[in-house]
């Protein structure tokens, strides 16, 4: 849908590291740190490919593969702003009823059917509204 409607559809990613995943919080910190060097989505995608094998070595391998500055990456992972952002995301997710990941909302409505059809059911009426107001 993003490729089809690049000007109308945007993604806002919120971190919600699950407590039962030992490396989830560290992975979220690493993704934020990668984002500060302009590589959030690339890092994110690699994390998801390894979600069941996450550890310090995997995070370091992803960092190195993306050629992220190691000192800046480490500092950004531990920065108070990084921790605050993740905590704020978790709080807003909890308030919205998020209990697991991935959870998707479209304009504040929770998407239950994560198939392409499910996205279209919620997004197409919104796109139609945009056409009316343009």
N, C-alpha and C. Protein backbone atom coordinates (compact mmCIF):
# COMPACT_ATOMS: atom_id res chain seq x y z
N UNK A 1 0.83 -1.19 0.00
CA UNK A 1 0.00 0.00 0.00
C UNK A 1 0.88 1.25 0.00
N UNK A 2 2.00 1.18 0.67
CA UNK A 2 2.90 2.33 0.72
C UNK A 2 3.46 2.61 -0.68
N UNK A 3 3.82 1.54 -1.38
CA UNK A 3 4.35 1.72 -2.74
C UNK A 3 3.27 2.27 -3.67
N UNK A 4 2.04 1.85 -3.44
CA UNK A 4 0.92 2.27 -4.28
C UNK A 4 0.51 3.72 -4.00
N UNK A 5 0.62 4.14 -2.73
CA UNK A 5 0.19 5.48 -2.31
C UNK A 5 1.28 6.15 -1.46
N UNK A 6 2.43 6.43 -2.04
CA UNK A 6 3.55 6.94 -1.24
C UNK A 6 3.31 8.30 -0.59
N UNK A 7 2.45 9.12 -1.17
CA UNK A 7 2.18 10.44 -0.59
C UNK A 7 1.07 10.40 0.45
N UNK A 8 0.22 9.40 0.39
CA UNK A 8 -0.94 9.35 1.26
C UNK A 8 -0.77 8.42 2.47
N UNK A 9 0.01 7.36 2.31
CA UNK A 9 0.15 6.36 3.38
C UNK A 9 1.53 6.49 4.00
N UNK A 10 1.57 6.65 5.30
CA UNK A 10 2.83 6.77 6.04
C UNK A 10 2.84 5.76 7.19
N UNK A 11 4.03 5.35 7.59
CA UNK A 11 4.18 4.43 8.71
C UNK A 11 4.80 5.18 9.88
N UNK A 12 4.22 4.99 11.04
CA UNK A 12 4.81 5.49 12.29
C UNK A 12 5.10 4.26 13.13
N UNK A 13 6.37 3.95 13.32
CA UNK A 13 6.76 2.75 14.07
C UNK A 13 6.89 3.11 15.54
N UNK A 14 6.30 2.30 16.39
CA UNK A 14 6.40 2.47 17.84
C UNK A 14 7.02 1.21 18.42
N UNK A 15 7.96 1.41 19.30
CA UNK A 15 8.64 0.28 19.94
C UNK A 15 7.77 -0.28 21.06
N UNK A 16 7.70 -1.60 21.12
CA UNK A 16 6.97 -2.26 22.20
C UNK A 16 7.70 -3.57 22.51
N UNK A 17 8.91 -3.45 23.10
CA UNK A 17 9.67 -4.67 23.39
C UNK A 17 8.95 -5.54 24.41
N UNK A 18 8.78 -6.77 24.06
CA UNK A 18 8.07 -7.71 24.95
C UNK A 18 8.97 -8.15 26.09
N UNK A 19 8.40 -8.21 27.26
CA UNK A 19 9.18 -8.57 28.46
C UNK A 19 9.68 -10.00 28.43
N UNK A 20 8.99 -10.86 27.71
CA UNK A 20 9.40 -12.27 27.69
C UNK A 20 10.51 -12.53 26.67
N UNK A 21 10.95 -11.52 25.96
CA UNK A 21 12.06 -11.67 25.01
C UNK A 21 13.28 -10.97 25.60
N UNK A 22 14.25 -11.74 25.94
CA UNK A 22 15.43 -11.25 26.66
C UNK A 22 16.13 -10.07 25.97
N UNK A 23 16.17 -10.07 24.66
CA UNK A 23 16.92 -9.03 23.94
C UNK A 23 16.02 -7.99 23.27
N UNK A 24 14.73 -8.02 23.56
CA UNK A 24 13.82 -7.10 22.87
C UNK A 24 14.13 -5.64 23.16
N UNK A 25 14.38 -5.31 24.42
CA UNK A 25 14.68 -3.92 24.76
C UNK A 25 15.99 -3.48 24.13
N UNK A 26 17.00 -4.33 24.20
CA UNK A 26 18.29 -3.99 23.59
C UNK A 26 18.14 -3.85 22.07
N UNK A 27 17.32 -4.68 21.47
CA UNK A 27 17.08 -4.57 20.03
C UNK A 27 16.39 -3.25 19.69
N UNK A 28 15.44 -2.84 20.52
CA UNK A 28 14.77 -1.54 20.30
C UNK A 28 15.78 -0.40 20.43
N UNK A 29 16.64 -0.47 21.43
CA UNK A 29 17.67 0.55 21.61
C UNK A 29 18.59 0.59 20.39
N UNK A 30 18.96 -0.57 19.89
CA UNK A 30 19.84 -0.65 18.73
C UNK A 30 19.16 -0.06 17.49
N UNK A 31 17.88 -0.33 17.32
CA UNK A 31 17.16 0.21 16.17
C UNK A 31 17.09 1.74 16.23
N UNK A 32 16.85 2.27 17.42
CA UNK A 32 16.83 3.73 17.58
C UNK A 32 18.21 4.30 17.26
N UNK A 33 19.25 3.64 17.77
CA UNK A 33 20.62 4.10 17.51
C UNK A 33 20.93 4.05 16.01
N UNK A 34 20.51 3.01 15.34
CA UNK A 34 20.71 2.91 13.89
C UNK A 34 19.96 4.02 13.17
N UNK A 35 18.78 4.33 13.67
CA UNK A 35 17.99 5.41 13.08
C UNK A 35 18.68 6.75 13.17
N UNK A 36 19.41 6.96 14.23
CA UNK A 36 20.14 8.23 14.37
C UNK A 36 21.25 8.36 13.34
N UNK A 37 21.63 7.23 12.74
CA UNK A 37 22.62 7.26 11.66
C UNK A 37 21.95 7.03 10.30
N UNK A 38 20.62 7.14 10.28
CA UNK A 38 19.88 7.05 9.03
C UNK A 38 19.58 5.65 8.53
N UNK A 39 19.64 4.66 9.42
CA UNK A 39 19.46 3.27 8.96
C UNK A 39 18.45 2.49 9.81
N UNK A 40 17.40 3.18 10.27
CA UNK A 40 16.43 2.49 11.12
C UNK A 40 15.81 1.29 10.43
N UNK A 41 15.23 1.50 9.23
CA UNK A 41 14.48 0.42 8.59
C UNK A 41 15.37 -0.74 8.19
N UNK A 42 16.57 -0.46 7.74
CA UNK A 42 17.49 -1.56 7.39
C UNK A 42 17.81 -2.38 8.63
N UNK A 43 18.08 -1.69 9.74
CA UNK A 43 18.39 -2.38 10.99
C UNK A 43 17.17 -3.16 11.46
N UNK A 44 16.02 -2.52 11.44
CA UNK A 44 14.76 -3.15 11.84
C UNK A 44 14.53 -4.45 11.07
N UNK A 45 14.69 -4.38 9.75
CA UNK A 45 14.44 -5.56 8.92
C UNK A 45 15.38 -6.71 9.28
N UNK A 46 16.64 -6.39 9.55
CA UNK A 46 17.59 -7.43 9.94
C UNK A 46 17.25 -8.01 11.32
N UNK A 47 16.80 -7.17 12.23
CA UNK A 47 16.38 -7.67 13.54
C UNK A 47 15.23 -8.67 13.40
N UNK A 48 14.25 -8.33 12.58
CA UNK A 48 13.10 -9.22 12.40
C UNK A 48 13.50 -10.53 11.74
N UNK A 49 14.48 -10.49 10.86
CA UNK A 49 14.95 -11.74 10.24
C UNK A 49 15.60 -12.66 11.28
N UNK A 50 16.11 -12.07 12.35
CA UNK A 50 16.82 -12.85 13.38
C UNK A 50 16.09 -12.87 14.71
N UNK A 51 14.79 -12.56 14.73
CA UNK A 51 14.09 -12.36 15.99
C UNK A 51 14.24 -13.51 16.97
N UNK A 52 14.36 -14.73 16.48
CA UNK A 52 14.51 -15.86 17.40
C UNK A 52 15.96 -16.19 17.70
N UNK A 53 16.88 -15.40 17.17
CA UNK A 53 18.31 -15.61 17.42
C UNK A 53 19.00 -14.32 17.85
N UNK A 54 18.26 -13.42 18.48
CA UNK A 54 18.85 -12.14 18.87
C UNK A 54 19.76 -12.31 20.08
N UNK A 55 20.91 -11.69 19.96
CA UNK A 55 21.85 -11.61 21.07
C UNK A 55 22.81 -10.46 20.75
N UNK A 56 23.76 -10.23 21.65
CA UNK A 56 24.70 -9.12 21.44
C UNK A 56 25.47 -9.28 20.13
N UNK A 57 25.87 -10.50 19.82
CA UNK A 57 26.63 -10.75 18.60
C UNK A 57 25.81 -10.41 17.36
N UNK A 58 24.55 -10.79 17.34
CA UNK A 58 23.69 -10.50 16.19
C UNK A 58 23.54 -8.99 16.00
N UNK A 59 23.35 -8.28 17.09
CA UNK A 59 23.22 -6.82 17.01
C UNK A 59 24.50 -6.20 16.46
N UNK A 60 25.64 -6.70 16.93
CA UNK A 60 26.93 -6.19 16.44
C UNK A 60 27.13 -6.53 14.97
N UNK A 61 26.74 -7.71 14.56
CA UNK A 61 26.88 -8.10 13.15
C UNK A 61 26.04 -7.20 12.25
N UNK A 62 24.84 -6.90 12.68
CA UNK A 62 23.97 -6.02 11.89
C UNK A 62 24.58 -4.62 11.82
N UNK A 63 25.06 -4.12 12.97
CA UNK A 63 25.69 -2.80 13.01
C UNK A 63 26.86 -2.73 12.04
N UNK A 64 27.71 -3.77 12.07
CA UNK A 64 28.89 -3.79 11.20
C UNK A 64 28.49 -3.89 9.73
N UNK A 65 27.51 -4.72 9.43
CA UNK A 65 27.07 -4.89 8.03
C UNK A 65 26.53 -3.59 7.45
N UNK A 66 25.93 -2.77 8.30
CA UNK A 66 25.40 -1.48 7.84
C UNK A 66 26.43 -0.37 7.93
N UNK A 67 27.64 -0.71 8.37
CA UNK A 67 28.75 0.24 8.49
C UNK A 67 28.40 1.43 9.37
N UNK A 68 27.71 1.15 10.47
CA UNK A 68 27.38 2.22 11.42
C UNK A 68 28.58 2.50 12.31
N UNK A 69 28.80 3.77 12.62
CA UNK A 69 29.90 4.16 13.49
C UNK A 69 29.74 3.47 14.84
N UNK A 70 30.71 2.63 15.24
CA UNK A 70 30.53 1.84 16.46
C UNK A 70 30.43 2.66 17.74
N UNK A 71 31.22 3.70 17.87
CA UNK A 71 31.19 4.51 19.09
C UNK A 71 29.89 5.30 19.19
N UNK A 72 29.48 5.89 18.08
CA UNK A 72 28.22 6.64 18.06
C UNK A 72 27.04 5.71 18.33
N UNK A 73 27.08 4.53 17.73
CA UNK A 73 26.01 3.54 17.90
C UNK A 73 25.87 3.16 19.37
N UNK A 74 26.99 2.87 20.00
CA UNK A 74 26.98 2.47 21.42
C UNK A 74 26.46 3.61 22.29
N UNK A 75 26.93 4.82 22.02
CA UNK A 75 26.48 5.99 22.80
C UNK A 75 24.99 6.23 22.60
N UNK A 76 24.52 6.11 21.37
CA UNK A 76 23.10 6.34 21.09
C UNK A 76 22.22 5.26 21.71
N UNK A 77 22.71 4.03 21.76
CA UNK A 77 21.93 2.96 22.39
C UNK A 77 21.64 3.27 23.86
N UNK A 78 22.62 3.86 24.52
CA UNK A 78 22.51 4.11 25.96
C UNK A 78 22.05 5.52 26.31
N UNK A 79 21.84 6.34 25.31
CA UNK A 79 21.45 7.74 25.54
C UNK A 79 20.10 7.83 26.25
N UNK A 80 19.97 8.77 27.19
CA UNK A 80 18.68 8.94 27.88
C UNK A 80 17.52 9.17 26.92
N UNK A 81 17.75 9.86 25.82
CA UNK A 81 16.68 10.09 24.85
C UNK A 81 16.19 8.81 24.20
N UNK A 82 17.10 7.87 23.99
CA UNK A 82 16.73 6.57 23.42
C UNK A 82 15.81 5.83 24.37
N UNK A 83 16.23 5.77 25.64
CA UNK A 83 15.44 5.07 26.66
C UNK A 83 14.08 5.75 26.82
N UNK A 84 14.07 7.07 26.84
CA UNK A 84 12.81 7.82 27.01
C UNK A 84 11.87 7.56 25.84
N UNK A 85 12.40 7.51 24.63
CA UNK A 85 11.56 7.26 23.46
C UNK A 85 10.92 5.89 23.53
N UNK A 86 11.70 4.88 23.87
CA UNK A 86 11.17 3.52 23.96
C UNK A 86 10.13 3.43 25.07
N UNK A 87 10.42 4.04 26.21
CA UNK A 87 9.45 4.03 27.32
C UNK A 87 8.15 4.73 26.94
N UNK A 88 8.25 5.85 26.23
CA UNK A 88 7.04 6.57 25.79
C UNK A 88 6.24 5.72 24.80
N UNK A 89 6.94 5.05 23.89
CA UNK A 89 6.26 4.17 22.94
C UNK A 89 5.54 3.04 23.67
N UNK A 90 6.20 2.46 24.66
CA UNK A 90 5.59 1.37 25.42
C UNK A 90 4.36 1.85 26.19
N UNK A 91 4.48 3.03 26.77
CA UNK A 91 3.35 3.57 27.53
C UNK A 91 2.16 3.84 26.61
N UNK A 92 2.40 4.46 25.47
CA UNK A 92 1.28 4.73 24.56
C UNK A 92 0.71 3.44 24.00
N UNK A 93 1.55 2.45 23.77
CA UNK A 93 1.06 1.15 23.31
C UNK A 93 0.19 0.48 24.35
N UNK A 94 0.64 0.51 25.60
CA UNK A 94 -0.15 -0.09 26.68
C UNK A 94 -1.50 0.61 26.82
N UNK A 95 -1.50 1.93 26.71
CA UNK A 95 -2.75 2.69 26.80
C UNK A 95 -3.69 2.36 25.64
N UNK A 96 -3.13 1.99 24.49
CA UNK A 96 -3.94 1.64 23.32
C UNK A 96 -4.37 0.17 23.34
N UNK A 97 -3.92 -0.56 24.35
CA UNK A 97 -4.32 -1.96 24.46
C UNK A 97 -3.39 -2.95 23.79
N UNK A 98 -2.19 -2.51 23.43
CA UNK A 98 -1.23 -3.41 22.80
C UNK A 98 -0.76 -4.42 23.85
N UNK A 99 -0.78 -5.69 23.46
CA UNK A 99 -0.31 -6.74 24.34
C UNK A 99 0.75 -7.61 23.68
N UNK A 100 0.89 -7.47 22.38
CA UNK A 100 1.86 -8.26 21.63
C UNK A 100 2.28 -7.53 20.38
N UNK A 101 3.23 -8.12 19.70
CA UNK A 101 3.73 -7.52 18.47
C UNK A 101 3.71 -8.55 17.35
N UNK A 102 3.56 -8.13 16.13
CA UNK A 102 3.25 -6.76 15.74
C UNK A 102 1.78 -6.43 15.95
N UNK A 103 1.51 -5.20 16.31
CA UNK A 103 0.15 -4.67 16.40
C UNK A 103 0.08 -3.47 15.48
N UNK A 104 -0.96 -3.39 14.69
CA UNK A 104 -1.07 -2.33 13.69
C UNK A 104 -2.33 -1.51 13.94
N UNK A 105 -2.16 -0.20 13.89
CA UNK A 105 -3.29 0.73 13.96
C UNK A 105 -3.30 1.56 12.69
N UNK A 106 -4.48 1.84 12.19
CA UNK A 106 -4.63 2.72 11.03
C UNK A 106 -5.57 3.84 11.46
N UNK A 107 -5.01 5.04 11.54
CA UNK A 107 -5.77 6.20 12.02
C UNK A 107 -6.47 5.91 13.34
N UNK A 108 -5.76 5.26 14.24
CA UNK A 108 -6.29 4.99 15.57
C UNK A 108 -7.13 3.74 15.70
N UNK A 109 -7.42 3.08 14.60
CA UNK A 109 -8.22 1.84 14.64
C UNK A 109 -7.30 0.64 14.54
N UNK A 110 -7.49 -0.30 15.45
CA UNK A 110 -6.65 -1.49 15.46
C UNK A 110 -7.01 -2.40 14.29
N UNK A 111 -5.98 -2.83 13.58
CA UNK A 111 -6.15 -3.72 12.44
C UNK A 111 -6.03 -5.16 12.93
N UNK A 112 -7.08 -5.92 12.77
CA UNK A 112 -7.06 -7.31 13.21
C UNK A 112 -6.61 -8.23 12.08
N UNK A 113 -7.07 -7.97 10.87
CA UNK A 113 -6.71 -8.78 9.70
C UNK A 113 -5.50 -8.13 9.03
N UNK A 114 -4.32 -8.71 9.23
CA UNK A 114 -3.09 -8.10 8.73
C UNK A 114 -2.74 -8.53 7.31
N UNK A 115 -3.70 -9.11 6.61
CA UNK A 115 -3.49 -9.43 5.20
C UNK A 115 -3.61 -8.13 4.39
N UNK A 116 -3.24 -8.20 3.13
CA UNK A 116 -3.38 -7.02 2.26
C UNK A 116 -4.84 -6.58 2.22
N UNK A 117 -5.75 -7.54 2.15
CA UNK A 117 -7.18 -7.21 2.14
C UNK A 117 -7.57 -6.46 3.42
N UNK A 118 -7.06 -6.91 4.57
CA UNK A 118 -7.37 -6.24 5.83
C UNK A 118 -6.92 -4.79 5.83
N UNK A 119 -5.73 -4.55 5.30
CA UNK A 119 -5.24 -3.17 5.19
C UNK A 119 -6.15 -2.36 4.26
N UNK A 120 -6.51 -2.96 3.13
CA UNK A 120 -7.32 -2.25 2.16
C UNK A 120 -8.69 -1.88 2.72
N UNK A 121 -9.26 -2.76 3.52
CA UNK A 121 -10.59 -2.50 4.10
C UNK A 121 -10.57 -1.22 4.93
N UNK A 122 -9.49 -0.98 5.66
CA UNK A 122 -9.41 0.23 6.48
C UNK A 122 -8.85 1.44 5.72
N UNK A 123 -7.90 1.20 4.85
CA UNK A 123 -7.22 2.31 4.18
C UNK A 123 -8.02 2.88 3.01
N UNK A 124 -8.64 2.03 2.21
CA UNK A 124 -9.33 2.52 1.01
C UNK A 124 -10.40 3.57 1.30
N UNK A 125 -11.25 3.41 2.33
CA UNK A 125 -12.21 4.48 2.62
C UNK A 125 -11.52 5.80 3.00
N UNK A 126 -10.39 5.71 3.68
CA UNK A 126 -9.65 6.93 4.03
C UNK A 126 -9.08 7.59 2.78
N UNK A 127 -8.58 6.78 1.86
CA UNK A 127 -8.08 7.32 0.60
C UNK A 127 -9.21 7.96 -0.20
N UNK A 128 -10.38 7.33 -0.17
CA UNK A 128 -11.54 7.91 -0.87
C UNK A 128 -11.90 9.27 -0.28
N UNK A 129 -11.81 9.40 1.04
CA UNK A 129 -12.08 10.69 1.69
C UNK A 129 -11.09 11.75 1.23
N UNK A 130 -9.83 11.36 1.07
CA UNK A 130 -8.81 12.30 0.60
C UNK A 130 -9.14 12.80 -0.81
N UNK A 131 -9.61 11.91 -1.66
CA UNK A 131 -9.95 12.29 -3.04
C UNK A 131 -11.09 13.30 -3.05
N UNK A 132 -12.02 13.15 -2.13
CA UNK A 132 -13.17 14.07 -2.05
C UNK A 132 -12.71 15.45 -1.62
N UNK A 133 -11.74 15.52 -0.72
CA UNK A 133 -11.31 16.82 -0.17
C UNK A 133 -10.22 17.48 -1.01
N UNK A 134 -9.65 16.78 -1.96
CA UNK A 134 -8.57 17.37 -2.78
C UNK A 134 -9.10 18.28 -3.85
